[in-house]
């Protein structure tokens, strides 16, 4: 995932407001844009989408995705027990 180019001003404001890169990436990924005068846009995550994200985060730690060649998803499953890793490269 590429990170958006940032100005020194935005980097300083993020530090002052304790907003980290993860928050920025979430808003970039899931936010909706509202356009402003002068060509700028405001990105924010709508409340309904935010609720869905919170619910998904609660479940994400219990789910595994199995991928094969070319990043193709083979299956998705609930992780009920520890899955041993192997040294074999697919």
N, C-alpha and C. Protein backbone atom coordinates (compact mmCIF):
# COMPACT_ATOMS: atom_id res chain seq x y z
N UNK A 1 0.85 -1.17 0.00
CA UNK A 1 0.00 0.00 0.00
C UNK A 1 0.90 1.23 0.00
N UNK A 2 0.61 2.16 -0.86
CA UNK A 2 1.40 3.38 -0.91
C UNK A 2 0.81 4.40 0.06
N UNK A 3 1.68 5.20 0.62
CA UNK A 3 1.25 6.24 1.55
C UNK A 3 1.09 7.54 0.79
N UNK A 4 0.08 8.33 1.17
CA UNK A 4 -0.08 9.61 0.49
C UNK A 4 1.08 10.54 0.82
N UNK A 5 1.43 11.39 -0.11
CA UNK A 5 2.48 12.37 0.14
C UNK A 5 1.96 13.37 1.16
N UNK A 6 2.80 13.72 2.13
CA UNK A 6 2.37 14.62 3.18
C UNK A 6 3.23 15.88 3.20
N UNK A 7 2.59 16.97 3.61
CA UNK A 7 3.33 18.20 3.82
C UNK A 7 3.94 18.18 5.22
N UNK A 8 4.91 19.05 5.44
CA UNK A 8 5.48 19.17 6.79
C UNK A 8 4.40 19.62 7.77
N UNK A 9 3.50 20.48 7.29
CA UNK A 9 2.40 20.96 8.14
C UNK A 9 1.54 19.79 8.62
N UNK A 10 1.14 18.90 7.71
CA UNK A 10 0.28 17.79 8.10
C UNK A 10 1.00 16.83 9.05
N UNK A 11 2.30 16.61 8.81
CA UNK A 11 3.07 15.74 9.70
C UNK A 11 3.14 16.33 11.10
N UNK A 12 3.39 17.64 11.19
CA UNK A 12 3.43 18.31 12.49
C UNK A 12 2.08 18.23 13.20
N UNK A 13 1.00 18.47 12.46
CA UNK A 13 -0.34 18.43 13.07
C UNK A 13 -0.69 17.02 13.56
N UNK A 14 -0.29 16.00 12.79
CA UNK A 14 -0.54 14.62 13.23
C UNK A 14 0.17 14.36 14.55
N UNK A 15 1.41 14.81 14.66
CA UNK A 15 2.16 14.62 15.90
C UNK A 15 1.50 15.36 17.06
N UNK A 16 1.09 16.60 16.84
CA UNK A 16 0.47 17.40 17.88
C UNK A 16 -0.87 16.82 18.34
N UNK A 17 -1.57 16.19 17.42
CA UNK A 17 -2.92 15.69 17.72
C UNK A 17 -2.95 14.18 17.98
N UNK A 18 -1.77 13.57 18.08
CA UNK A 18 -1.64 12.13 18.37
C UNK A 18 -2.43 11.28 17.37
N UNK A 19 -2.29 11.62 16.10
CA UNK A 19 -2.92 10.86 15.02
C UNK A 19 -1.81 10.13 14.29
N UNK A 20 -1.88 8.78 14.25
CA UNK A 20 -0.79 8.02 13.64
C UNK A 20 -1.09 7.63 12.20
N UNK A 21 -0.09 7.01 11.56
CA UNK A 21 -0.21 6.61 10.15
C UNK A 21 -1.32 5.59 9.92
N UNK A 22 -1.58 4.73 10.91
CA UNK A 22 -2.66 3.75 10.77
C UNK A 22 -4.00 4.43 10.61
N UNK A 23 -4.24 5.46 11.41
CA UNK A 23 -5.50 6.23 11.31
C UNK A 23 -5.59 6.89 9.93
N UNK A 24 -4.49 7.47 9.49
CA UNK A 24 -4.48 8.11 8.17
C UNK A 24 -4.80 7.10 7.07
N UNK A 25 -4.19 5.91 7.13
CA UNK A 25 -4.45 4.88 6.11
C UNK A 25 -5.90 4.41 6.14
N UNK A 26 -6.48 4.26 7.34
CA UNK A 26 -7.88 3.86 7.44
C UNK A 26 -8.80 4.90 6.79
N UNK A 27 -8.54 6.15 7.06
CA UNK A 27 -9.37 7.21 6.47
C UNK A 27 -9.17 7.27 4.96
N UNK A 28 -7.94 7.11 4.50
CA UNK A 28 -7.67 7.08 3.06
C UNK A 28 -8.40 5.91 2.39
N UNK A 29 -8.45 4.76 3.07
CA UNK A 29 -9.05 3.55 2.49
C UNK A 29 -10.58 3.56 2.55
N UNK A 30 -11.13 3.93 3.70
CA UNK A 30 -12.57 3.79 3.92
C UNK A 30 -13.34 5.11 3.94
N UNK A 31 -12.64 6.22 3.87
CA UNK A 31 -13.30 7.51 3.97
C UNK A 31 -14.03 7.91 2.70
N UNK A 32 -14.97 8.79 2.87
CA UNK A 32 -15.71 9.36 1.74
C UNK A 32 -15.30 10.83 1.62
N UNK A 33 -15.18 11.29 0.38
CA UNK A 33 -14.69 12.64 0.13
C UNK A 33 -15.84 13.63 0.00
N UNK A 34 -15.61 14.81 0.57
CA UNK A 34 -16.48 15.96 0.35
C UNK A 34 -15.58 17.04 -0.22
N UNK A 35 -15.96 17.58 -1.36
CA UNK A 35 -15.11 18.54 -2.04
C UNK A 35 -15.33 19.94 -1.50
N UNK A 36 -14.25 20.71 -1.44
CA UNK A 36 -14.24 22.06 -0.90
C UNK A 36 -13.89 23.05 -2.01
N UNK A 37 -14.13 24.31 -1.75
CA UNK A 37 -13.72 25.36 -2.67
C UNK A 37 -12.21 25.29 -2.86
N UNK A 38 -11.73 25.63 -4.02
CA UNK A 38 -10.31 25.65 -4.28
C UNK A 38 -9.74 24.30 -4.67
N UNK A 39 -10.58 23.26 -4.78
CA UNK A 39 -10.11 21.96 -5.23
C UNK A 39 -9.70 21.00 -4.14
N UNK A 40 -9.77 21.41 -2.88
CA UNK A 40 -9.42 20.50 -1.78
C UNK A 40 -10.60 19.57 -1.49
N UNK A 41 -10.32 18.52 -0.73
CA UNK A 41 -11.38 17.61 -0.32
C UNK A 41 -11.17 17.21 1.13
N UNK A 42 -12.26 16.93 1.82
CA UNK A 42 -12.23 16.45 3.19
C UNK A 42 -12.63 14.99 3.16
N UNK A 43 -11.80 14.13 3.74
CA UNK A 43 -12.10 12.71 3.84
C UNK A 43 -12.49 12.39 5.27
N UNK A 44 -13.59 11.67 5.43
CA UNK A 44 -13.99 11.19 6.74
C UNK A 44 -14.78 9.89 6.57
N UNK A 45 -14.78 9.09 7.63
CA UNK A 45 -15.51 7.83 7.58
C UNK A 45 -16.90 8.08 8.16
N UNK A 46 -17.95 7.82 7.37
CA UNK A 46 -19.32 8.02 7.87
C UNK A 46 -19.61 7.09 9.05
N UNK A 47 -20.53 7.51 9.92
CA UNK A 47 -20.85 6.74 11.13
C UNK A 47 -21.26 5.30 10.83
N UNK A 48 -22.06 5.09 9.79
CA UNK A 48 -22.51 3.73 9.47
C UNK A 48 -21.32 2.85 9.07
N UNK A 49 -20.42 3.40 8.28
CA UNK A 49 -19.22 2.66 7.88
C UNK A 49 -18.32 2.41 9.08
N UNK A 50 -18.24 3.38 9.98
CA UNK A 50 -17.42 3.24 11.18
C UNK A 50 -17.92 2.09 12.05
N UNK A 51 -19.23 1.95 12.17
CA UNK A 51 -19.80 0.85 12.94
C UNK A 51 -19.43 -0.49 12.31
N UNK A 52 -19.52 -0.59 10.99
CA UNK A 52 -19.14 -1.82 10.30
C UNK A 52 -17.66 -2.13 10.51
N UNK A 53 -16.81 -1.12 10.48
CA UNK A 53 -15.38 -1.33 10.71
C UNK A 53 -15.11 -1.82 12.13
N UNK A 54 -15.79 -1.24 13.10
CA UNK A 54 -15.61 -1.69 14.49
C UNK A 54 -16.02 -3.16 14.65
N UNK A 55 -17.15 -3.52 14.06
CA UNK A 55 -17.61 -4.91 14.12
C UNK A 55 -16.61 -5.85 13.45
N UNK A 56 -16.07 -5.44 12.31
CA UNK A 56 -15.10 -6.26 11.58
C UNK A 56 -13.81 -6.43 12.38
N UNK A 57 -13.37 -5.39 13.04
CA UNK A 57 -12.14 -5.45 13.84
C UNK A 57 -12.31 -6.44 14.99
N UNK A 58 -13.49 -6.51 15.56
CA UNK A 58 -13.76 -7.47 16.63
C UNK A 58 -13.59 -8.91 16.14
N UNK A 59 -13.91 -9.16 14.87
CA UNK A 59 -13.86 -10.53 14.33
C UNK A 59 -12.55 -10.87 13.65
N UNK A 60 -11.78 -9.89 13.22
CA UNK A 60 -10.63 -10.13 12.36
C UNK A 60 -9.56 -11.00 13.00
N UNK A 61 -9.39 -10.95 14.30
CA UNK A 61 -8.38 -11.74 14.97
C UNK A 61 -8.70 -13.22 15.00
N UNK A 62 -9.91 -13.58 14.67
CA UNK A 62 -10.34 -14.98 14.73
C UNK A 62 -10.51 -15.59 13.35
N UNK A 63 -10.05 -14.90 12.32
CA UNK A 63 -10.25 -15.36 10.95
C UNK A 63 -8.90 -15.50 10.25
N UNK A 64 -8.77 -16.53 9.43
CA UNK A 64 -7.57 -16.75 8.61
C UNK A 64 -7.96 -16.74 7.14
N UNK A 65 -7.05 -16.25 6.32
CA UNK A 65 -7.20 -16.29 4.87
C UNK A 65 -6.07 -17.16 4.34
N UNK A 66 -6.42 -18.16 3.54
CA UNK A 66 -5.42 -19.04 2.93
C UNK A 66 -5.27 -18.61 1.48
N UNK A 67 -4.02 -18.25 1.10
CA UNK A 67 -3.74 -17.79 -0.25
C UNK A 67 -2.82 -18.77 -0.96
N UNK A 68 -2.99 -18.85 -2.26
CA UNK A 68 -2.13 -19.67 -3.09
C UNK A 68 -1.30 -18.81 -4.01
N UNK A 69 -0.96 -19.39 -5.14
CA UNK A 69 -0.15 -18.67 -6.10
C UNK A 69 -0.88 -17.43 -6.62
N UNK A 70 -0.11 -16.43 -6.97
CA UNK A 70 -0.62 -15.17 -7.53
C UNK A 70 -1.57 -14.46 -6.58
N UNK A 71 -1.37 -14.66 -5.26
CA UNK A 71 -2.21 -14.03 -4.23
C UNK A 71 -3.69 -14.37 -4.35
N UNK A 72 -3.99 -15.50 -4.92
CA UNK A 72 -5.38 -15.93 -5.09
C UNK A 72 -5.89 -16.53 -3.78
N UNK A 73 -7.04 -16.07 -3.30
CA UNK A 73 -7.61 -16.58 -2.05
C UNK A 73 -8.20 -17.96 -2.29
N UNK A 74 -7.69 -18.94 -1.55
CA UNK A 74 -8.16 -20.32 -1.68
C UNK A 74 -9.36 -20.54 -0.77
N UNK A 75 -9.24 -20.12 0.49
CA UNK A 75 -10.36 -20.26 1.43
C UNK A 75 -10.21 -19.25 2.55
N UNK A 76 -11.28 -19.09 3.29
CA UNK A 76 -11.32 -18.23 4.47
C UNK A 76 -11.97 -19.06 5.57
N UNK A 77 -11.39 -19.00 6.79
CA UNK A 77 -11.92 -19.86 7.85
C UNK A 77 -11.78 -19.19 9.22
N UNK A 78 -12.56 -19.70 10.17
CA UNK A 78 -12.41 -19.29 11.56
C UNK A 78 -11.22 -20.03 12.14
N UNK A 79 -10.41 -19.32 12.90
CA UNK A 79 -9.23 -19.92 13.50
C UNK A 79 -9.60 -20.41 14.90
N UNK A 80 -9.96 -21.69 15.00
CA UNK A 80 -10.37 -22.27 16.27
C UNK A 80 -9.18 -22.80 17.06
N UNK A 81 -8.11 -23.12 16.38
CA UNK A 81 -6.91 -23.61 17.05
C UNK A 81 -5.69 -23.10 16.31
N UNK A 82 -4.54 -23.22 16.93
CA UNK A 82 -3.30 -22.75 16.32
C UNK A 82 -3.00 -23.56 15.08
N UNK A 83 -2.62 -22.88 14.01
CA UNK A 83 -2.28 -23.54 12.75
C UNK A 83 -0.76 -23.54 12.64
N UNK A 84 -0.14 -24.73 12.59
CA UNK A 84 1.33 -24.76 12.53
C UNK A 84 1.84 -24.22 11.20
N UNK A 85 2.91 -23.44 11.30
CA UNK A 85 3.54 -22.91 10.09
C UNK A 85 4.55 -23.93 9.57
N UNK A 86 4.78 -23.93 8.27
CA UNK A 86 5.78 -24.81 7.70
C UNK A 86 6.82 -23.96 6.99
N UNK A 87 7.93 -24.55 6.67
CA UNK A 87 9.00 -23.85 5.97
C UNK A 87 8.81 -23.92 4.46
N UNK A 88 7.86 -24.70 4.01
CA UNK A 88 7.60 -24.86 2.58
C UNK A 88 7.08 -23.57 1.99
N UNK A 89 7.63 -23.18 0.88
CA UNK A 89 7.16 -21.97 0.19
C UNK A 89 6.25 -22.38 -0.95
N UNK A 90 5.03 -21.88 -0.93
CA UNK A 90 4.04 -22.26 -1.95
C UNK A 90 4.37 -21.65 -3.29
